Amino acid sequence: MRKGVGLPLGNLTSQLFVNIYMDKFDQFIKHKLKEKHYIRYCDDFVIFSENREHLTKYVPLIREFLNKELKLELHPDKISIKTLASGVDFLGWVNFADHRILRTATKRKMFRNIAKNGGKVETIQSYIGLIGHGNTRKIKQNLLTFYEKFSILNNN
């Protein structure tokens, strides 16, 4: 990305503006490509299909649309076509047909951030809220153990 181009990440207006800007892309996927199983959050998107070739033929069409209509490019290292059985890595989770698990890198980052923040209750509560959206019983136990260790250290 060129310096001075785009919106700052994390800015609330960025989320609003990307949804307005990407509406044209949503319309393309839904009405031109006629895809029913499509999800987009900001600039990340997933299309589900049982047919690998079907998805493979979409890549150049999507690349061309984004380039011509929105002056955007697909990141070459972030395109993946996988089976549903292997899970879909999306927004920090690996999603399966009947459950979801937290991505390993997300788990590591979570525990690093808690340690960096000194085990603040607010940080831990935030992560408990996050992990409540998936199959995370073991992670929650580890998180509570981590919290207890920080509580003991902070009280001594």
C-alpha atoms as a PDB file:
ATOM      1  CA  MET A   1       0.000   0.000   0.000  1.00  0.00           C
ATOM      2  CA  ARG A   2       1.279   3.453  -0.831  1.00  0.00           C
ATOM      3  CA  LYS A   3       1.883   5.836   2.070  1.00  0.00           C
ATOM      4  CA  GLY A   4      -0.972   8.278   2.586  1.00  0.00           C
ATOM      5  CA  VAL A   5      -3.498   6.112   0.697  1.00  0.00           C
ATOM      6  CA  GLY A   6      -6.503   4.563   2.397  1.00  0.00           C
ATOM      7  CA  LEU A   7      -8.089   4.898   5.819  1.00  0.00           C
ATOM      8  CA  PRO A   8      -6.491   4.204   9.187  1.00  0.00           C
ATOM      9  CA  LEU A   9      -7.167   0.671  10.445  1.00  0.00           C
ATOM     10  CA  GLY A  10      -9.337   0.483  13.527  1.00  0.00           C
ATOM     11  CA  ASN A  11     -10.977   3.820  12.831  1.00  0.00           C
ATOM     12  CA  LEU A  12     -14.770   3.440  13.179  1.00  0.00           C
ATOM     13  CA  THR A  13     -15.340   5.416   9.998  1.00  0.00           C
ATOM     14  CA  SER A  14     -13.096   2.926   8.160  1.00  0.00           C
ATOM     15  CA  GLN A  15     -15.603   0.151   8.844  1.00  0.00           C
ATOM     16  CA  LEU A  16     -18.492   2.282   7.616  1.00  0.00           C
ATOM     17  CA  PHE A  17     -16.696   3.541   4.509  1.00  0.00           C
ATOM     18  CA  VAL A  18     -15.447   0.101   3.471  1.00  0.00           C
ATOM     19  CA  ASN A  19     -19.014  -1.210   3.615  1.00  0.00           C
ATOM     20  CA  ILE A  20     -20.245   1.633   1.433  1.00  0.00           C
ATOM     21  CA  TYR A  21     -17.319   1.268  -0.987  1.00  0.00           C
ATOM     22  CA  MET A  22     -17.557  -2.526  -1.201  1.00  0.00           C
ATOM     23  CA  ASP A  23     -21.328  -2.564  -1.769  1.00  0.00           C
ATOM     24  CA  LYS A  24     -20.637  -2.590  -5.498  1.00  0.00           C
ATOM     25  CA  PHE A  25     -18.561  -5.743  -4.995  1.00  0.00           C
ATOM     26  CA  ASP A  26     -21.342  -7.357  -2.938  1.00  0.00           C
ATOM     27  CA  GLN A  27     -23.778  -6.639  -5.759  1.00  0.00           C
ATOM     28  CA  PHE A  28     -21.368  -8.138  -8.294  1.00  0.00           C
ATOM     29  CA  ILE A  29     -21.004 -11.368  -6.286  1.00  0.00           C
ATOM     30  CA  LYS A  30     -24.726 -11.725  -5.570  1.00  0.00           C
ATOM     31  CA  HIS A  31     -26.259 -10.559  -8.859  1.00  0.00           C
ATOM     32  CA  LYS A  32     -23.656 -11.136 -11.572  1.00  0.00           C
ATOM     33  CA  LEU A  33     -21.980 -14.276 -10.229  1.00  0.00           C
ATOM     34  CA  LYS A  34     -25.251 -15.324  -8.526  1.00  0.00           C
ATOM     35  CA  GLU A  35     -23.489 -16.651  -5.438  1.00  0.00           C
ATOM     36  CA  LYS A  36     -25.735 -17.513  -2.511  1.00  0.00           C
ATOM     37  CA  HIS A  37     -23.040 -18.504  -0.033  1.00  0.00           C
ATOM     38  CA  TYR A  38     -20.946 -15.354   0.290  1.00  0.00           C
ATOM     39  CA  ILE A  39     -19.735 -13.559   3.424  1.00  0.00           C
ATOM     40  CA  ARG A  40     -17.766 -10.321   3.615  1.00  0.00           C
ATOM     41  CA  TYR A  41     -16.407  -8.410   6.589  1.00  0.00           C
ATOM     42  CA  CYS A  42     -14.633  -5.191   5.599  1.00  0.00           C
ATOM     43  CA  ASP A  43     -12.143  -6.337   2.928  1.00  0.00           C
ATOM     44  CA  ASP A  44     -12.168 -10.048   3.794  1.00  0.00           C
ATOM     45  CA  PHE A  45     -14.596 -12.336   2.033  1.00  0.00           C
ATOM     46  CA  VAL A  46     -15.473 -16.007   1.646  1.00  0.00           C
ATOM     47  CA  ILE A  47     -17.465 -17.809  -1.036  1.00  0.00           C
ATOM     48  CA  PHE A  48     -18.673 -21.343  -0.265  1.00  0.00           C
ATOM     49  CA  SER A  49     -19.199 -23.961  -2.935  1.00  0.00           C
ATOM     50  CA  GLU A  50     -18.951 -27.727  -3.210  1.00  0.00           C
ATOM     51  CA  ASN A  51     -17.355 -27.324  -6.632  1.00  0.00           C
ATOM     52  CA  ARG A  52     -13.634 -26.390  -6.630  1.00  0.00           C
ATOM     53  CA  GLU A  53     -13.550 -25.611 -10.377  1.00  0.00           C
ATOM     54  CA  HIS A  54     -16.522 -23.292  -9.909  1.00  0.00           C
ATOM     55  CA  LEU A  55     -14.526 -21.273  -7.370  1.00  0.00           C
ATOM     56  CA  THR A  56     -11.311 -21.404  -9.386  1.00  0.00           C
ATOM     57  CA  LYS A  57     -12.985 -19.758 -12.386  1.00  0.00           C
ATOM     58  CA  TYR A  58     -14.157 -16.894 -10.149  1.00  0.00           C
ATOM     59  CA  VAL A  59     -10.662 -15.740  -9.164  1.00  0.00           C
ATOM     60  CA  PRO A  60      -9.852 -13.937 -12.450  1.00  0.00           C
ATOM     61  CA  LEU A  61     -13.400 -12.512 -12.666  1.00  0.00           C
ATOM     62  CA  ILE A  62     -13.184 -11.139  -9.129  1.00  0.00           C
ATOM     63  CA  ARG A  63      -9.660  -9.819  -9.700  1.00  0.00           C
ATOM     64  CA  GLU A  64     -10.775  -8.005 -12.860  1.00  0.00           C
ATOM     65  CA  PHE A  65     -13.884  -6.534 -11.217  1.00  0.00           C
ATOM     66  CA  LEU A  66     -11.984  -5.268  -8.185  1.00  0.00           C
ATOM     67  CA  ASN A  67      -9.260  -3.758 -10.351  1.00  0.00           C
ATOM     68  CA  LYS A  68     -11.506  -2.081 -12.933  1.00  0.00           C
ATOM     69  CA  GLU A  69     -14.439  -1.025 -10.776  1.00  0.00           C
ATOM     70  CA  LEU A  70     -12.902  -0.339  -7.357  1.00  0.00           C
ATOM     71  CA  LYS A  71      -9.180   0.111  -8.095  1.00  0.00           C
ATOM     72  CA  LEU A  72      -8.377  -2.691  -5.627  1.00  0.00           C
ATOM     73  CA  GLU A  73      -6.154  -5.754  -5.911  1.00  0.00           C
ATOM     74  CA  LEU A  74      -6.478  -9.244  -4.487  1.00  0.00           C
ATOM     75  CA  HIS A  75      -3.528 -10.069  -2.260  1.00  0.00           C
ATOM     76  CA  PRO A  76      -1.730 -12.907  -4.121  1.00  0.00           C
ATOM     77  CA  ASP A  77      -0.817 -14.754  -0.914  1.00  0.00           C
ATOM     78  CA  LYS A  78      -4.283 -14.590   0.639  1.00  0.00           C
ATOM     79  CA  ILE A  79      -6.344 -16.478  -1.933  1.00  0.00           C
ATOM     80  CA  SER A  80      -7.142 -20.024  -0.922  1.00  0.00           C
ATOM     81  CA  ILE A  81      -9.554 -22.582  -2.273  1.00  0.00           C
ATOM     82  CA  LYS A  82     -10.178 -25.345   0.260  1.00  0.00           C
ATOM     83  CA  THR A  83     -12.703 -28.011   1.049  1.00  0.00           C
ATOM     84  CA  LEU A  84     -15.188 -27.329   3.828  1.00  0.00           C
ATOM     85  CA  ALA A  85     -13.887 -30.418   5.620  1.00  0.00           C
ATOM     86  CA  SER A  86     -10.514 -28.689   6.147  1.00  0.00           C
ATOM     87  CA  GLY A  87     -12.181 -25.660   7.709  1.00  0.00           C
ATOM     88  CA  VAL A  88     -12.377 -22.060   6.563  1.00  0.00           C
ATOM     89  CA  ASP A  89      -9.930 -19.693   8.226  1.00  0.00           C
ATOM     90  CA  PHE A  90     -11.842 -16.418   8.549  1.00  0.00           C
ATOM     91  CA  LEU A  91     -11.608 -13.532  11.034  1.00  0.00           C
ATOM     92  CA  GLY A  92      -9.466 -15.321  13.608  1.00  0.00           C
ATOM     93  CA  TRP A  93     -11.451 -18.560  13.598  1.00  0.00           C
ATOM     94  CA  VAL A  94     -11.274 -21.834  11.687  1.00  0.00           C
ATOM     95  CA  ASN A  95     -14.892 -22.525  10.766  1.00  0.00           C
ATOM     96  CA  PHE A  96     -16.272 -25.992  10.101  1.00  0.00           C
ATOM     97  CA  ALA A  97     -19.801 -27.006   9.133  1.00  0.00           C
ATOM     98  CA  ASP A  98     -20.813 -27.817  12.716  1.00  0.00           C
ATOM     99  CA  HIS A  99     -18.358 -25.888  14.930  1.00  0.00           C
ATOM    100  CA  ARG A 100     -15.553 -23.335  15.019  1.00  0.00           C
ATOM    101  CA  ILE A 101     -12.207 -23.191  16.772  1.00  0.00           C
ATOM    102  CA  LEU A 102      -9.910 -20.285  17.507  1.00  0.00           C
ATOM    103  CA  ARG A 103      -6.979 -19.937  15.091  1.00  0.00           C
ATOM    104  CA  THR A 104      -3.674 -20.913  16.758  1.00  0.00           C
ATOM    105  CA  ALA A 105      -2.107 -17.517  15.996  1.00  0.00           C
ATOM    106  CA  THR A 106      -5.129 -15.804  17.575  1.00  0.00           C
ATOM    107  CA  LYS A 107      -4.678 -17.886  20.751  1.00  0.00           C
ATOM    108  CA  ARG A 108      -0.989 -16.984  20.978  1.00  0.00           C
ATOM    109  CA  LYS A 109      -1.711 -13.303  20.414  1.00  0.00           C
ATOM    110  CA  MET A 110      -4.458 -13.370  23.047  1.00  0.00           C
ATOM    111  CA  PHE A 111      -2.143 -14.738  25.764  1.00  0.00           C
ATOM    112  CA  ARG A 112       0.681 -12.374  24.698  1.00  0.00           C
ATOM    113  CA  ASN A 113      -1.667  -9.367  24.973  1.00  0.00           C
ATOM    114  CA  ILE A 114      -2.900 -10.453  28.399  1.00  0.00           C
ATOM    115  CA  ALA A 115       0.683 -10.788  29.644  1.00  0.00           C
ATOM    116  CA  LYS A 116       1.629  -7.428  28.106  1.00  0.00           C
ATOM    117  CA  ASN A 117      -1.356  -5.754  29.838  1.00  0.00           C
ATOM    118  CA  GLY A 118      -0.444  -7.311  33.179  1.00  0.00           C
ATOM    119  CA  GLY A 119      -3.504  -9.553  33.279  1.00  0.00           C
ATOM    120  CA  LYS A 120      -6.009  -6.697  33.510  1.00  0.00           C
ATOM    121  CA  VAL A 121      -9.510  -7.925  34.246  1.00  0.00           C
ATOM    122  CA  GLU A 122     -10.933  -5.872  31.346  1.00  0.00           C
ATOM    123  CA  THR A 123      -8.578  -7.518  28.857  1.00  0.00           C
ATOM    124  CA  ILE A 124      -9.411 -11.000  30.077  1.00  0.00           C
ATOM    125  CA  GLN A 125     -13.151 -10.270  30.060  1.00  0.00           C
ATOM    126  CA  SER A 126     -12.850  -9.046  26.489  1.00  0.00           C
ATOM    127  CA  TYR A 127     -11.177 -12.282  25.421  1.00  0.00           C
ATOM    128  CA  ILE A 128     -13.733 -14.365  27.327  1.00  0.00           C
ATOM    129  CA  GLY A 129     -16.368 -12.584  25.250  1.00  0.00           C
ATOM    130  CA  LEU A 130     -14.463 -13.410  22.060  1.00  0.00           C
ATOM    131  CA  ILE A 131     -13.959 -17.085  22.827  1.00  0.00           C
ATOM    132  CA  GLY A 132     -17.613 -17.490  23.769  1.00  0.00           C
ATOM    133  CA  HIS A 133     -18.380 -17.647  20.031  1.00  0.00           C
ATOM    134  CA  GLY A 134     -16.724 -20.996  19.421  1.00  0.00           C
ATOM    135  CA  ASN A 135     -15.691 -24.378  20.770  1.00  0.00           C
ATOM    136  CA  THR A 136     -13.202 -23.093  23.323  1.00  0.00           C
ATOM    137  CA  ARG A 137     -13.732 -24.876  26.659  1.00  0.00           C
ATOM    138  CA  LYS A 138     -10.012 -25.729  27.049  1.00  0.00           C
ATOM    139  CA  ILE A 139      -8.912 -22.217  26.079  1.00  0.00           C
ATOM    140  CA  LYS A 140     -11.316 -20.721  28.621  1.00  0.00           C
ATOM    141  CA  GLN A 141      -9.835 -22.977  31.335  1.00  0.00           C
ATOM    142  CA  ASN A 142      -6.303 -21.886  30.323  1.00  0.00           C
ATOM    143  CA  LEU A 143      -7.413 -18.258  30.305  1.00  0.00           C
ATOM    144  CA  LEU A 144      -8.843 -18.521  33.833  1.00  0.00           C
ATOM    145  CA  THR A 145      -5.641 -20.256  35.041  1.00  0.00           C
ATOM    146  CA  PHE A 146      -3.592 -17.489  33.411  1.00  0.00           C
ATOM    147  CA  TYR A 147      -5.775 -14.909  35.184  1.00  0.00           C
ATOM    148  CA  GLU A 148      -5.323 -16.615  38.564  1.00  0.00           C
ATOM    149  CA  LYS A 149      -1.526 -16.525  38.147  1.00  0.00           C
ATOM    150  CA  PHE A 150      -1.624 -12.790  37.413  1.00  0.00           C
ATOM    151  CA  SER A 151      -3.963 -12.183  40.377  1.00  0.00           C
ATOM    152  CA  ILE A 152      -1.569 -13.965  42.736  1.00  0.00           C
ATOM    153  CA  LEU A 153       1.411 -12.008  41.341  1.00  0.00           C
ATOM    154  CA  ASN A 154      -0.398  -8.673  41.590  1.00  0.00           C
ATOM    155  CA  ASN A 155      -1.531  -9.322  45.191  1.00  0.00           C
ATOM    156  CA  ASN A 156       2.000 -10.118  46.433  1.00  0.00           C
END
